[in-house]
PDB file of N, CA and C in Angstrom:
ATOM      1  N   MET A   1       8.123  38.835   2.514  1.00  0.00           N
ATOM      2  CA  MET A   1       7.668  37.610   1.888  1.00  0.00           C
ATOM      3  C   MET A   1       6.293  37.872   1.275  1.00  0.00           C
ATOM      4  N   SER A   2       6.097  37.354   0.082  1.00  0.00           N
ATOM      5  CA  SER A   2       4.832  37.584  -0.607  1.00  0.00           C
ATOM      6  C   SER A   2       3.729  36.689  -0.048  1.00  0.00           C
ATOM      7  N   PHE A   3       2.500  37.128  -0.276  1.00  0.00           N
ATOM      8  CA  PHE A   3       1.335  36.372   0.168  1.00  0.00           C
ATOM      9  C   PHE A   3       1.324  34.975  -0.463  1.00  0.00           C
ATOM     10  N   GLN A   4       1.700  34.894  -1.738  1.00  0.00           N
ATOM     11  CA  GLN A   4       1.703  33.613  -2.448  1.00  0.00           C
ATOM     12  C   GLN A   4       2.667  32.633  -1.773  1.00  0.00           C
ATOM     13  N   LYS A   5       3.846  33.089  -1.379  1.00  0.00           N
ATOM     14  CA  LYS A   5       4.817  32.210  -0.721  1.00  0.00           C
ATOM     15  C   LYS A   5       4.308  31.759   0.638  1.00  0.00           C
ATOM     16  N   LEU A   6       3.606  32.643   1.338  1.00  0.00           N
ATOM     17  CA  LEU A   6       3.038  32.267   2.631  1.00  0.00           C
ATOM     18  C   LEU A   6       1.985  31.176   2.481  1.00  0.00           C
ATOM     19  N   VAL A   7       1.102  31.330   1.492  1.00  0.00           N
ATOM     20  CA  VAL A   7       0.040  30.351   1.263  1.00  0.00           C
ATOM     21  C   VAL A   7       0.635  29.013   0.841  1.00  0.00           C
ATOM     22  N   VAL A   8       1.575  29.035  -0.094  1.00  0.00           N
ATOM     23  CA  VAL A   8       2.200  27.800  -0.560  1.00  0.00           C
ATOM     24  C   VAL A   8       2.937  27.115   0.588  1.00  0.00           C
ATOM     25  N   GLY A   9       3.639  27.872   1.389  1.00  0.00           N
ATOM     26  CA  GLY A   9       4.350  27.301   2.531  1.00  0.00           C
ATOM     27  C   GLY A   9       3.411  26.687   3.548  1.00  0.00           C
ATOM     28  N   ALA A  10       2.311  27.355   3.816  1.00  0.00           N
ATOM     29  CA  ALA A  10       1.330  26.843   4.773  1.00  0.00           C
ATOM     30  C   ALA A  10       0.672  25.571   4.251  1.00  0.00           C
ATOM     31  N   LEU A  11       0.310  25.545   2.981  1.00  0.00           N
ATOM     32  CA  LEU A  11      -0.309  24.360   2.395  1.00  0.00           C
ATOM     33  C   LEU A  11       0.662  23.192   2.326  1.00  0.00           C
ATOM     34  N   ALA A  12       1.895  23.444   2.006  1.00  0.00           N
ATOM     35  CA  ALA A  12       2.894  22.378   1.935  1.00  0.00           C
ATOM     36  C   ALA A  12       3.106  21.753   3.301  1.00  0.00           C
ATOM     37  N   GLY A  13       3.147  22.561   4.331  1.00  0.00           N
ATOM     38  CA  GLY A  13       3.308  22.031   5.683  1.00  0.00           C
ATOM     39  C   GLY A  13       2.112  21.208   6.117  1.00  0.00           C
ATOM     40  N   THR A  14       0.931  21.638   5.768  1.00  0.00           N
ATOM     41  CA  THR A  14      -0.286  20.911   6.111  1.00  0.00           C
ATOM     42  C   THR A  14      -0.365  19.603   5.341  1.00  0.00           C
ATOM     43  N   ALA A  15      -0.076  19.611   4.061  1.00  0.00           N
ATOM     44  CA  ALA A  15      -0.147  18.405   3.239  1.00  0.00           C
ATOM     45  C   ALA A  15       0.875  17.374   3.690  1.00  0.00           C
ATOM     46  N   ALA A  16       2.039  17.811   4.091  1.00  0.00           N
ATOM     47  CA  ALA A  16       3.076  16.877   4.514  1.00  0.00           C
ATOM     48  C   ALA A  16       2.717  16.198   5.825  1.00  0.00           C
ATOM     49  N   ALA A  17       1.885  16.800   6.624  1.00  0.00           N
ATOM     50  CA  ALA A  17       1.546  16.248   7.932  1.00  0.00           C
ATOM     51  C   ALA A  17       0.240  15.463   7.926  1.00  0.00           C
ATOM     52  N   THR A  18      -0.473  15.431   6.821  1.00  0.00           N
ATOM     53  CA  THR A  18      -1.783  14.806   6.770  1.00  0.00           C
ATOM     54  C   THR A  18      -1.729  13.518   5.958  1.00  0.00           C
ATOM     55  N   VAL A  19      -2.201  12.428   6.537  1.00  0.00           N
ATOM     56  CA  VAL A  19      -2.328  11.170   5.810  1.00  0.00           C
ATOM     57  C   VAL A  19      -3.718  11.143   5.196  1.00  0.00           C
ATOM     58  N   LEU A  20      -3.784  11.206   3.881  1.00  0.00           N
ATOM     59  CA  LEU A  20      -5.066  11.236   3.193  1.00  0.00           C
ATOM     60  C   LEU A  20      -5.643   9.841   3.006  1.00  0.00           C
ATOM     61  N   TRP A  21      -4.805   8.858   2.799  1.00  0.00           N
ATOM     62  CA  TRP A  21      -5.228   7.472   2.650  1.00  0.00           C
ATOM     63  C   TRP A  21      -4.087   6.611   3.133  1.00  0.00           C
ATOM     64  N   ASP A  22      -4.358   5.668   4.000  1.00  0.00           N
ATOM     65  CA  ASP A  22      -3.310   4.836   4.559  1.00  0.00           C
ATOM     66  C   ASP A  22      -3.370   3.444   3.938  1.00  0.00           C
ATOM     67  N   GLY A  23      -2.558   3.232   2.948  1.00  0.00           N
ATOM     68  CA  GLY A  23      -2.499   1.939   2.279  1.00  0.00           C
ATOM     69  C   GLY A  23      -1.303   1.132   2.721  1.00  0.00           C
ATOM     70  N   ARG A  24      -0.784   1.426   3.894  1.00  0.00           N
ATOM     71  CA  ARG A  24       0.376   0.680   4.398  1.00  0.00           C
ATOM     72  C   ARG A  24      -0.018  -0.750   4.732  1.00  0.00           C
ATOM     73  N   PHE A  25       0.956  -1.619   4.730  1.00  0.00           N
ATOM     74  CA  PHE A  25       0.743  -3.034   4.998  1.00  0.00           C
ATOM     75  C   PHE A  25       1.202  -3.418   6.396  1.00  0.00           C
ATOM     76  N   ASN A  26       1.306  -2.448   7.290  1.00  0.00           N
ATOM     77  CA  ASN A  26       1.812  -2.708   8.635  1.00  0.00           C
ATOM     78  C   ASN A  26       0.972  -3.720   9.400  1.00  0.00           C
ATOM     79  N   GLY A  27      -0.329  -3.720   9.230  1.00  0.00           N
ATOM     80  CA  GLY A  27      -1.205  -4.591  10.000  1.00  0.00           C
ATOM     81  C   GLY A  27      -1.443  -5.960   9.382  1.00  0.00           C
ATOM     82  N   ILE A  28      -0.788  -6.255   8.280  1.00  0.00           N
ATOM     83  CA  ILE A  28      -1.000  -7.533   7.613  1.00  0.00           C
ATOM     84  C   ILE A  28       0.249  -8.392   7.807  1.00  0.00           C
ATOM     85  N   PRO A  29       0.101  -9.565   8.418  1.00  0.00           N
ATOM     86  CA  PRO A  29       1.283 -10.383   8.714  1.00  0.00           C
ATOM     87  C   PRO A  29       1.967 -10.947   7.470  1.00  0.00           C
ATOM     88  N   SER A  30       1.182 -11.316   6.449  1.00  0.00           N
ATOM     89  CA  SER A  30       1.754 -11.828   5.201  1.00  0.00           C
ATOM     90  C   SER A  30       0.719 -11.705   4.096  1.00  0.00           C
ATOM     91  N   SER A  31       1.160 -11.915   2.882  1.00  0.00           N
ATOM     92  CA  SER A  31       0.233 -11.792   1.755  1.00  0.00           C
ATOM     93  C   SER A  31      -0.825 -12.896   1.755  1.00  0.00           C
ATOM     94  N   THR A  32      -0.601 -13.978   2.476  1.00  0.00           N
ATOM     95  CA  THR A  32      -1.612 -15.038   2.526  1.00  0.00           C
ATOM     96  C   THR A  32      -2.888 -14.561   3.221  1.00  0.00           C
ATOM     97  N   ALA A  33      -2.815 -13.487   3.989  1.00  0.00           N
ATOM     98  CA  ALA A  33      -4.022 -12.917   4.610  1.00  0.00           C
ATOM     99  C   ALA A  33      -5.007 -12.439   3.551  1.00  0.00           C
ATOM    100  N   LEU A  34      -4.513 -12.140   2.355  1.00  0.00           N
ATOM    101  CA  LEU A  34      -5.398 -11.709   1.272  1.00  0.00           C
ATOM    102  C   LEU A  34      -6.320 -12.834   0.810  1.00  0.00           C
ATOM    103  N   ASN A  35      -5.974 -14.073   1.117  1.00  0.00           N
ATOM    104  CA  ASN A  35      -6.846 -15.202   0.764  1.00  0.00           C
ATOM    105  C   ASN A  35      -8.191 -15.113   1.463  1.00  0.00           C
ATOM    106  N   THR A  36      -8.248 -14.420   2.586  1.00  0.00           N
ATOM    107  CA  THR A  36      -9.485 -14.328   3.359  1.00  0.00           C
ATOM    108  C   THR A  36     -10.297 -13.090   3.013  1.00  0.00           C
ATOM    109  N   TRP A  37      -9.836 -12.296   2.015  1.00  0.00           N
ATOM    110  CA  TRP A  37     -10.530 -11.054   1.685  1.00  0.00           C
ATOM    111  C   TRP A  37     -11.909 -11.346   1.125  1.00  0.00           C
ATOM    112  N   SER A  38     -12.894 -10.598   1.615  1.00  0.00           N
ATOM    113  CA  SER A  38     -14.241 -10.600   1.068  1.00  0.00           C
ATOM    114  C   SER A  38     -14.878  -9.265   1.451  1.00  0.00           C
ATOM    115  N   TRP A  39     -16.053  -8.994   0.946  1.00  0.00           N
ATOM    116  CA  TRP A  39     -16.715  -7.736   1.292  1.00  0.00           C
ATOM    117  C   TRP A  39     -17.033  -7.692   2.776  1.00  0.00           C
ATOM    118  N   SER A  40     -17.276  -8.829   3.386  1.00  0.00           N
ATOM    119  CA  SER A  40     -17.570  -8.846   4.819  1.00  0.00           C
ATOM    120  C   SER A  40     -16.317  -8.971   5.679  1.00  0.00           C
ATOM    121  N   ASN A  41     -15.179  -9.300   5.077  1.00  0.00           N
ATOM    122  CA  ASN A  41     -13.914  -9.428   5.798  1.00  0.00           C
ATOM    123  C   ASN A  41     -12.819  -8.743   4.986  1.00  0.00           C
ATOM    124  N   GLN A  42     -12.832  -7.427   4.988  1.00  0.00           N
ATOM    125  CA  GLN A  42     -11.882  -6.668   4.181  1.00  0.00           C
ATOM    126  C   GLN A  42     -10.537  -6.616   4.883  1.00  0.00           C
ATOM    127  N   VAL A  43      -9.506  -7.087   4.192  1.00  0.00           N
ATOM    128  CA  VAL A  43      -8.148  -7.115   4.720  1.00  0.00           C
ATOM    129  C   VAL A  43      -7.428  -5.865   4.226  1.00  0.00           C
ATOM    130  N   GLY A  44      -7.180  -4.931   5.121  1.00  0.00           N
ATOM    131  CA  GLY A  44      -6.533  -3.687   4.719  1.00  0.00           C
ATOM    132  C   GLY A  44      -7.504  -2.749   4.026  1.00  0.00           C
ATOM    133  N   PRO A  45      -7.058  -1.531   3.743  1.00  0.00           N
ATOM    134  CA  PRO A  45      -7.927  -0.523   3.126  1.00  0.00           C
ATOM    135  C   PRO A  45      -7.940  -0.594   1.598  1.00  0.00           C
ATOM    136  N   TYR A  46      -7.946  -1.779   1.041  1.00  0.00           N
ATOM    137  CA  TYR A  46      -7.881  -1.951  -0.405  1.00  0.00           C
ATOM    138  C   TYR A  46      -8.512  -3.284  -0.759  1.00  0.00           C
ATOM    139  N   GLN A  47      -8.675  -3.522  -2.039  1.00  0.00           N
ATOM    140  CA  GLN A  47      -9.226  -4.780  -2.527  1.00  0.00           C
ATOM    141  C   GLN A  47      -8.125  -5.540  -3.252  1.00  0.00           C
ATOM    142  N   TYR A  48      -8.285  -6.834  -3.321  1.00  0.00           N
ATOM    143  CA  TYR A  48      -7.311  -7.692  -3.985  1.00  0.00           C
ATOM    144  C   TYR A  48      -7.865  -8.102  -5.342  1.00  0.00           C
ATOM    145  N   TYR A  49      -7.229  -7.660  -6.412  1.00  0.00           N
ATOM    146  CA  TYR A  49      -7.733  -7.885  -7.759  1.00  0.00           C
ATOM    147  C   TYR A  49      -6.913  -8.865  -8.584  1.00  0.00           C
ATOM    148  N   ILE A  50      -5.739  -9.244  -8.130  1.00  0.00           N
ATOM    149  CA  ILE A  50      -4.875 -10.106  -8.930  1.00  0.00           C
ATOM    150  C   ILE A  50      -5.274 -11.557  -8.680  1.00  0.00           C
ATOM    151  N   HIS A  51      -5.576 -12.264  -9.750  1.00  0.00           N
ATOM    152  CA  HIS A  51      -5.973 -13.664  -9.627  1.00  0.00           C
ATOM    153  C   HIS A  51      -5.228 -14.482 -10.665  1.00  0.00           C
ATOM    154  N   GLY A  52      -4.900 -15.680 -10.298  1.00  0.00           N
ATOM    155  CA  GLY A  52      -4.219 -16.580 -11.216  1.00  0.00           C
ATOM    156  C   GLY A  52      -4.370 -18.008 -10.752  1.00  0.00           C
ATOM    157  N   ASN A  53      -3.671 -18.908 -11.414  1.00  0.00           N
ATOM    158  CA  ASN A  53      -3.744 -20.326 -11.084  1.00  0.00           C
ATOM    159  C   ASN A  53      -2.975 -20.674  -9.813  1.00  0.00           C
ATOM    160  N   GLY A  54      -1.989 -19.866  -9.463  1.00  0.00           N
ATOM    161  CA  GLY A  54      -1.132 -20.176  -8.330  1.00  0.00           C
ATOM    162  C   GLY A  54      -1.625 -19.581  -7.026  1.00  0.00           C
ATOM    163  N   PRO A  55      -0.899 -19.862  -5.951  1.00  0.00           N
ATOM    164  CA  PRO A  55      -1.249 -19.282  -4.658  1.00  0.00           C
ATOM    165  C   PRO A  55      -0.991 -17.774  -4.644  1.00  0.00           C
ATOM    166  N   VAL A  56      -1.591 -17.081  -3.701  1.00  0.00           N
ATOM    167  CA  VAL A  56      -1.453 -15.623  -3.633  1.00  0.00           C
ATOM    168  C   VAL A  56       0.020 -15.212  -3.534  1.00  0.00           C
ATOM    169  N   THR A  57       0.843 -16.018  -2.893  1.00  0.00           N
ATOM    170  CA  THR A  57       2.266 -15.674  -2.738  1.00  0.00           C
ATOM    171  C   THR A  57       3.034 -15.714  -4.058  1.00  0.00           C
ATOM    172  N   GLU A  58       2.429 -16.290  -5.072  1.00  0.00           N
ATOM    173  CA  GLU A  58       3.053 -16.280  -6.397  1.00  0.00           C
ATOM    174  C   GLU A  58       2.911 -14.909  -7.061  1.00  0.00           C
ATOM    175  N   TYR A  59       1.927 -14.130  -6.604  1.00  0.00           N
ATOM    176  CA  TYR A  59       1.629 -12.841  -7.223  1.00  0.00           C
ATOM    177  C   TYR A  59       1.848 -11.646  -6.307  1.00  0.00           C
ATOM    178  N   VAL A  60       1.701 -11.851  -5.006  1.00  0.00           N
ATOM    179  CA  VAL A  60       1.804 -10.755  -4.039  1.00  0.00           C
ATOM    180  C   VAL A  60       2.664 -11.204  -2.861  1.00  0.00           C
ATOM    181  N   ASN A  61       3.664 -10.392  -2.522  1.00  0.00           N
ATOM    182  CA  ASN A  61       4.497 -10.686  -1.363  1.00  0.00           C
ATOM    183  C   ASN A  61       4.768  -9.411  -0.587  1.00  0.00           C
ATOM    184  N   LEU A  62       4.814  -9.535   0.725  1.00  0.00           N
ATOM    185  CA  LEU A  62       5.094  -8.418   1.621  1.00  0.00           C
ATOM    186  C   LEU A  62       6.416  -8.676   2.333  1.00  0.00           C
ATOM    187  N   ALA A  63       7.229  -7.635   2.449  1.00  0.00           N
ATOM    188  CA  ALA A  63       8.497  -7.754   3.172  1.00  0.00           C
ATOM    189  C   ALA A  63       9.059  -6.365   3.422  1.00  0.00           C
ATOM    190  N   SER A  64       9.887  -6.262   4.431  1.00  0.00           N
ATOM    191  CA  SER A  64      10.521  -4.972   4.722  1.00  0.00           C
ATOM    192  C   SER A  64      11.462  -4.556   3.594  1.00  0.00           C
ATOM    193  N   SER A  65      11.994  -5.517   2.853  1.00  0.00           N
ATOM    194  CA  SER A  65      12.905  -5.184   1.749  1.00  0.00           C
ATOM    195  C   SER A  65      12.189  -4.529   0.567  1.00  0.00           C
ATOM    196  N   TYR A  66      10.860  -4.620   0.503  1.00  0.00           N
ATOM    197  CA  TYR A  66      10.092  -4.007  -0.575  1.00  0.00           C
ATOM    198  C   TYR A  66       9.584  -2.612  -0.234  1.00  0.00           C
ATOM    199  N   LYS A  67       9.754  -2.171   0.992  1.00  0.00           N
ATOM    200  CA  LYS A  67       9.184  -0.883   1.396  1.00  0.00           C
ATOM    201  C   LYS A  67       9.982   0.283   0.828  1.00  0.00           C
ATOM    202  N   ASN A  68       9.302   1.395   0.679  1.00  0.00           N
ATOM    203  CA  ASN A  68       9.938   2.627   0.231  1.00  0.00           C
ATOM    204  C   ASN A  68      10.822   3.134   1.365  1.00  0.00           C
ATOM    205  N   PRO A  69      12.130   3.256   1.162  1.00  0.00           N
ATOM    206  CA  PRO A  69      13.012   3.697   2.245  1.00  0.00           C
ATOM    207  C   PRO A  69      12.708   5.108   2.745  1.00  0.00           C
ATOM    208  N   ALA A  70      12.043   5.905   1.936  1.00  0.00           N
ATOM    209  CA  ALA A  70      11.697   7.263   2.363  1.00  0.00           C
ATOM    210  C   ALA A  70      10.465   7.277   3.259  1.00  0.00           C
ATOM    211  N   ASP A  71       9.727   6.182   3.292  1.00  0.00           N
ATOM    212  CA  ASP A  71       8.527   6.086   4.115  1.00  0.00           C
ATOM    213  C   ASP A  71       8.911   5.517   5.476  1.00  0.00           C
ATOM    214  N   THR A  72       9.060   6.373   6.442  1.00  0.00           N
ATOM    215  CA  THR A  72       9.506   5.934   7.768  1.00  0.00           C
ATOM    216  C   THR A  72       8.378   5.331   8.595  1.00  0.00           C
ATOM    217  N   ALA A  73       7.133   5.469   8.170  1.00  0.00           N
ATOM    218  CA  ALA A  73       6.000   4.933   8.922  1.00  0.00           C
ATOM    219  C   ALA A  73       5.671   3.492   8.530  1.00  0.00           C
ATOM    220  N   SER A  74       6.116   3.049   7.371  1.00  0.00           N
ATOM    221  CA  SER A  74       5.820   1.697   6.921  1.00  0.00           C
ATOM    222  C   SER A  74       6.845   0.712   7.453  1.00  0.00           C
ATOM    223  N   THR A  75       6.371  -0.475   7.797  1.00  0.00           N
ATOM    224  CA  THR A  75       7.273  -1.537   8.232  1.00  0.00           C
ATOM    225  C   THR A  75       7.582  -2.511   7.103  1.00  0.00           C
ATOM    226  N   GLN A  76       6.696  -2.546   6.086  1.00  0.00           N
ATOM    227  CA  GLN A  76       6.926  -3.421   4.948  1.00  0.00           C
ATOM    228  C   GLN A  76       6.293  -2.846   3.696  1.00  0.00           C
ATOM    229  N   GLY A  77       6.739  -3.347   2.560  1.00  0.00           N
ATOM    230  CA  GLY A  77       6.201  -2.937   1.277  1.00  0.00           C
ATOM    231  C   GLY A  77       5.671  -4.155   0.549  1.00  0.00           C
ATOM    232  N   ILE A  78       5.293  -3.942  -0.696  1.00  0.00           N
ATOM    233  CA  ILE A  78       4.667  -5.010  -1.483  1.00  0.00           C
ATOM    234  C   ILE A  78       5.426  -5.239  -2.782  1.00  0.00           C
ATOM    235  N   GLN A  79       5.522  -6.497  -3.163  1.00  0.00           N
ATOM    236  CA  GLN A  79       6.046  -6.875  -4.471  1.00  0.00           C
ATOM    237  C   GLN A  79       4.894  -7.553  -5.208  1.00  0.00           C
ATOM    238  N   ILE A  80       4.563  -7.039  -6.381  1.00  0.00           N
ATOM    239  CA  ILE A  80       3.478  -7.595  -7.183  1.00  0.00           C
ATOM    240  C   ILE A  80       4.072  -8.183  -8.455  1.00  0.00           C
ATOM    241  N   THR A  81       3.699  -9.407  -8.756  1.00  0.00           N
ATOM    242  CA  THR A  81       4.172 -10.081  -9.953  1.00  0.00           C
ATOM    243  C   THR A  81       2.996 -10.352 -10.870  1.00  0.00           C
ATOM    244  N   LEU A  82       3.075  -9.835 -12.070  1.00  0.00           N
ATOM    245  CA  LEU A  82       2.074 -10.121 -13.095  1.00  0.00           C
ATOM    246  C   LEU A  82       2.769 -10.922 -14.193  1.00  0.00           C
ATOM    247  N   ASP A  83       2.261 -12.092 -14.442  1.00  0.00           N
ATOM    248  CA  ASP A  83       2.824 -12.930 -15.500  1.00  0.00           C
ATOM    249  C   ASP A  83       1.686 -13.456 -16.378  1.00  0.00           C
ATOM    250  N   LYS A  84       1.985 -14.400 -17.233  1.00  0.00           N
ATOM    251  CA  LYS A  84       0.964 -14.881 -18.175  1.00  0.00           C
ATOM    252  C   LYS A  84      -0.162 -15.642 -17.492  1.00  0.00           C
ATOM    253  N   THR A  85       0.019 -16.031 -16.219  1.00  0.00           N
ATOM    254  CA  THR A  85      -1.039 -16.740 -15.505  1.00  0.00           C
ATOM    255  C   THR A  85      -1.904 -15.818 -14.669  1.00  0.00           C
ATOM    256  N   ALA A  86      -1.510 -14.547 -14.520  1.00  0.00           N
ATOM    257  CA  ALA A  86      -2.218 -13.612 -13.662  1.00  0.00           C
ATOM    258  C   ALA A  86      -3.168 -12.723 -14.452  1.00  0.00           C
ATOM    259  N   VAL A  87      -4.284 -12.428 -13.829  1.00  0.00           N
ATOM    260  CA  VAL A  87      -5.264 -11.524 -14.414  1.00  0.00           C
ATOM    261  C   VAL A  87      -5.499 -10.407 -13.427  1.00  0.00           C
ATOM    262  N   TRP A  88      -5.456  -9.167 -13.881  1.00  0.00           N
ATOM    263  CA  TRP A  88      -5.707  -8.036 -12.998  1.00  0.00           C
ATOM    264  C   TRP A  88      -7.048  -7.477 -13.313  1.00  0.00           C
TER     265      TRP A  88
END
């Protein structure tokens, strides 16, 4: 086996086992928790930028049906709706 294949194999194994950023929604009960987001009360490892005239559930929803089926660590995924009333 060549040195290049050994290095690539070792790096691939390391990258697959390392979580570089965890943006999962496992700890958030519903998208309405985003209503409480502020710099002093950050909900999840991200910021909420979508704003519109309607409630947060009109633009952001969390459910197990939205999760990536290949992601076995996530319990739910996100559905984002951008329409003429939403600003990102």
